[in-house]
Protein backbone atom coordinates (compact mmCIF):
# COMPACT_ATOMS: atom_id res chain seq x y z
CA MET A 1 51.42 56.01 44.97
CA ASN A 2 49.70 52.71 44.47
CA ALA A 3 46.77 51.95 46.69
CA LYS A 4 46.57 48.54 48.31
CA MET A 5 43.18 46.88 48.53
CA LEU A 6 41.97 44.54 51.24
CA ALA A 7 38.90 42.42 50.73
CA CYS A 8 37.51 40.98 53.93
CA THR A 9 34.35 39.11 54.72
CA ALA A 10 31.90 40.77 57.05
CA ILE A 11 28.84 39.09 58.37
CA THR A 12 26.58 42.04 58.92
CA ALA A 13 24.25 42.25 61.87
CA ALA A 14 21.21 42.37 59.62
CA SER A 15 22.48 39.37 57.71
CA LEU A 16 22.97 37.35 60.87
CA ILE A 17 19.45 38.05 61.98
CA ALA A 18 17.85 37.52 58.57
CA ALA A 19 20.08 34.86 57.01
CA PRO A 20 23.02 33.58 59.06
CA ALA A 21 24.83 32.02 56.11
CA PHE A 22 25.04 35.31 54.21
CA ALA A 23 28.34 37.22 54.17
CA ASP A 24 29.26 40.41 52.34
CA GLN A 25 32.67 41.12 50.85
CA VAL A 26 33.98 44.40 52.27
CA LYS A 27 36.77 46.19 50.47
CA PHE A 28 39.16 48.66 52.03
CA SER A 29 42.05 50.42 50.36
CA TYR A 30 44.99 52.32 51.75
CA LYS A 31 48.19 53.84 50.47
CA PRO A 32 51.52 52.48 51.76
CA PHE A 33 52.70 55.98 52.73
CA GLU A 34 49.92 56.05 55.36
CA LEU A 35 52.09 53.65 57.37
CA ASP A 36 55.10 56.00 57.37
CA SER A 37 54.17 58.03 60.47
CA PRO A 38 52.24 57.66 63.71
CA ALA A 39 49.75 60.28 62.50
CA GLY A 40 49.24 58.38 59.24
CA ILE A 41 48.71 55.12 61.10
CA ALA A 42 46.20 56.77 63.47
CA SER A 43 44.31 58.23 60.51
CA LEU A 44 44.33 54.90 58.67
CA TYR A 45 43.05 53.09 61.77
CA ALA A 46 40.25 55.62 62.19
CA ARG A 47 39.19 55.04 58.56
CA MET A 48 39.29 51.28 59.14
CA GLU A 49 37.08 51.65 62.22
CA SER A 50 34.58 53.76 60.31
CA ARG A 51 34.48 51.32 57.39
CA ALA A 52 34.01 48.31 59.68
CA GLU A 53 31.28 50.07 61.66
CA ALA A 54 29.44 51.04 58.48
CA ALA A 55 29.68 47.51 57.06
CA CYS A 56 28.42 45.95 60.28
CA ALA A 57 25.84 48.52 61.35
CA ALA A 58 22.85 47.11 63.18
CA ARG A 59 19.61 47.60 61.30
CA SER A 60 17.58 46.97 64.41
CA PRO A 61 17.60 48.79 67.74
CA SER A 62 17.53 45.53 69.69
CA ILE A 63 20.30 44.77 72.14
CA SER A 64 21.15 41.50 70.41
CA ALA A 65 21.47 43.24 67.02
CA ARG A 66 23.79 45.86 68.52
CA ARG A 67 25.90 43.14 70.16
CA ILE A 68 26.16 41.24 66.89
CA ALA A 69 27.10 44.45 65.06
CA GLN A 70 29.81 45.16 67.64
CA GLU A 71 31.25 41.65 67.28
CA CYS A 72 31.15 41.96 63.49
CA THR A 73 32.93 45.33 63.66
CA GLU A 74 35.69 43.93 65.89
CA LYS A 75 36.20 40.91 63.63
CA LEU A 76 36.26 42.94 60.43
CA LEU A 77 38.58 45.55 61.93
CA SER A 78 40.95 42.75 63.00
CA GLU A 79 40.86 41.35 59.46
CA PHE A 80 41.69 44.78 58.03
CA VAL A 81 44.65 45.19 60.40
CA GLU A 82 45.93 41.66 59.78
CA GLY A 83 45.61 42.20 56.03
CA VAL A 84 47.93 45.21 56.18
CA GLY A 85 50.51 43.28 58.20
CA ASN A 86 52.14 46.28 59.90
CA GLY A 87 53.42 45.96 63.47
CA GLN A 88 52.70 49.56 64.43
CA LEU A 89 49.13 49.36 63.12
CA SER A 90 48.68 46.08 64.99
CA ALA A 91 49.89 47.75 68.21
CA VAL A 92 47.38 50.59 67.75
CA HIS A 93 44.61 48.03 67.16
CA GLU A 94 45.55 46.05 70.26
CA ALA A 95 45.60 49.18 72.42
CA LYS A 96 42.23 50.37 71.06
CA SER A 97 40.70 46.92 71.51
CA GLU A 98 41.86 46.80 75.13
CA GLU A 99 40.47 50.31 75.64
CA ARG A 100 37.07 49.32 74.20
CA TYR A 101 37.05 46.17 76.33
CA ALA A 102 37.88 48.15 79.48
CA LEU A 103 35.03 50.56 78.75
CA GLY A 104 32.65 47.66 78.22
CA ASP A 105 31.93 48.93 74.72
């Protein structure tokens, strides 16, 4: 199966603190068959979350750095999901985003 590649721009927390104009290109690939089942979609979404969190990780323990990293992660994750363009994946993302918002995360 061919892998599809997404390239999204992430402004990392460290970059925002050190140099606000800097943005990294973050690549993420997936295989179309991952969208064929709810389990595949859940697994793909989990990988997207991990990739976004790693790309946006705060390099400082400060509250503002963690907040910026969280915002970066949410934005990048949304870009990943939009780049795939799958309704079921979008529904999972919306539900998870609402869950994180409800938890105050």
